[in-house]
Amino acid sequence: MGKHRSALARRELVRRFRGSGLSVRVFAAREGVSPASLYRWLAEARGEEGRPAFVEVRGARPGAISGLSVELPGGVRVRVAGAEPVAFVAALAAALREEEPE
């Protein structure tokens, strides 16, 4: 059984992770926690902060946008300029979230 961490300790760990620029896997290993626990604490923190998991994006014409900037957990940012299909941008953001850098 793993070490129990207080809510305050979990929030502090999440704060440090967000500023670290590391992947969940690398940060968790350095801190001695499982990646699954860190993912759970990140989800809890998002819920406490009241951030929506998804936000509707509308373009100038159906299926297109003039520009988009998406910030993912861990500080990953995706910026797209021009008229890219919304589905492409959504798929790219989803793929980046799943593929964590080492």
Protein backbone atom coordinates (compact mmCIF):
# COMPACT_ATOMS: atom_id res chain seq x y z
CA MET A 1 0.00 0.00 0.00
CA GLY A 2 1.27 3.45 -0.93
CA LYS A 3 1.89 6.43 1.29
CA HIS A 4 -1.21 8.42 2.24
CA ARG A 5 -0.95 12.10 1.33
CA SER A 6 -3.12 14.83 2.78
CA ALA A 7 -5.27 16.99 0.49
CA LEU A 8 -2.85 19.86 1.07
CA ALA A 9 0.14 17.69 0.11
CA ARG A 10 -1.66 16.49 -3.05
CA ARG A 11 -2.49 20.07 -4.10
CA GLU A 12 1.14 21.10 -3.56
CA LEU A 13 2.35 18.15 -5.65
CA VAL A 14 -0.07 19.12 -8.45
CA ARG A 15 1.14 22.75 -8.28
CA ARG A 16 4.77 21.63 -8.57
CA PHE A 17 3.94 19.25 -11.42
CA ARG A 18 2.22 22.00 -13.41
CA GLY A 19 5.30 24.17 -13.15
CA SER A 20 7.77 21.39 -13.82
CA GLY A 21 7.40 20.94 -17.57
CA LEU A 22 7.87 17.19 -17.03
CA SER A 23 5.65 14.36 -18.18
CA VAL A 24 3.42 12.69 -15.60
CA ARG A 25 5.55 9.56 -15.73
CA VAL A 26 8.86 11.34 -15.11
CA PHE A 27 7.50 13.69 -12.42
CA ALA A 28 5.73 10.84 -10.60
CA ALA A 29 8.91 8.73 -10.57
CA ARG A 30 10.92 11.64 -9.16
CA GLU A 31 8.32 12.21 -6.43
CA GLY A 32 7.84 8.54 -5.57
CA VAL A 33 4.16 8.39 -6.54
CA SER A 34 2.39 6.31 -9.15
CA PRO A 35 1.41 7.99 -12.42
CA ALA A 36 -2.17 6.80 -11.81
CA SER A 37 -2.29 8.66 -8.50
CA LEU A 38 -0.92 11.83 -10.07
CA TYR A 39 -3.47 11.64 -12.91
CA ARG A 40 -6.25 11.24 -10.32
CA TRP A 41 -4.99 14.22 -8.30
CA LEU A 42 -4.78 16.34 -11.47
CA ALA A 43 -8.38 15.44 -12.31
CA GLU A 44 -9.46 16.28 -8.76
CA ALA A 45 -7.66 19.63 -8.98
CA ARG A 46 -9.41 20.46 -12.27
CA GLY A 47 -12.76 19.67 -10.65
CA GLU A 48 -11.97 21.87 -7.64
CA GLU A 49 -10.96 24.73 -9.92
CA GLY A 50 -14.22 24.49 -11.84
CA ARG A 51 -12.48 24.25 -15.21
CA PRO A 52 -14.54 22.64 -17.94
CA ALA A 53 -13.06 19.52 -19.47
CA PHE A 54 -14.24 20.59 -22.94
CA VAL A 55 -15.05 23.99 -24.38
CA GLU A 56 -17.00 24.51 -27.60
CA VAL A 57 -14.99 26.22 -30.33
CA ARG A 58 -16.80 28.04 -33.13
CA GLY A 59 -15.20 29.35 -36.29
CA ALA A 60 -16.01 32.06 -38.78
CA ARG A 61 -17.66 29.43 -40.99
CA PRO A 62 -18.83 25.94 -40.06
CA GLY A 63 -15.90 23.54 -39.61
CA ALA A 64 -13.18 26.20 -39.70
CA ILE A 65 -11.45 28.56 -37.27
CA SER A 66 -9.18 31.55 -37.77
CA GLY A 67 -6.78 30.61 -34.97
CA LEU A 68 -6.63 28.54 -31.84
CA SER A 69 -4.43 28.14 -28.80
CA VAL A 70 -4.92 25.13 -26.53
CA GLU A 71 -3.09 24.68 -23.23
CA LEU A 72 -2.88 21.12 -21.91
CA PRO A 73 -1.87 19.92 -18.45
CA GLY A 74 1.87 20.03 -17.91
CA GLY A 75 2.19 23.27 -19.86
CA VAL A 76 1.91 21.77 -23.37
CA ARG A 77 0.54 24.41 -25.73
CA VAL A 78 -0.87 23.86 -29.21
CA ARG A 79 -1.26 26.94 -31.44
CA VAL A 80 -2.87 26.78 -34.85
CA ALA A 81 -3.13 29.77 -37.18
CA GLY A 82 -5.25 29.90 -40.30
CA ALA A 83 -8.43 28.06 -41.15
CA GLU A 84 -7.86 24.53 -39.88
CA PRO A 85 -10.82 22.15 -39.55
CA VAL A 86 -12.06 21.97 -35.98
CA ALA A 87 -11.97 18.16 -36.07
CA PHE A 88 -8.25 18.23 -36.94
CA VAL A 89 -7.44 20.55 -34.07
CA ALA A 90 -9.49 18.45 -31.63
CA ALA A 91 -7.74 15.26 -32.76
CA LEU A 92 -4.33 16.91 -32.49
CA ALA A 93 -5.03 18.12 -28.96
CA ALA A 94 -6.26 14.67 -27.94
CA ALA A 95 -3.17 13.00 -29.41
CA LEU A 96 -0.82 15.40 -27.64
CA ARG A 97 -2.54 14.75 -24.35
CA GLU A 98 -2.05 11.00 -24.73
CA GLU A 99 1.56 11.22 -25.99
CA GLU A 100 3.58 12.58 -23.08
CA PRO A 101 7.16 13.64 -23.73
CA GLU A 102 9.85 11.88 -21.69
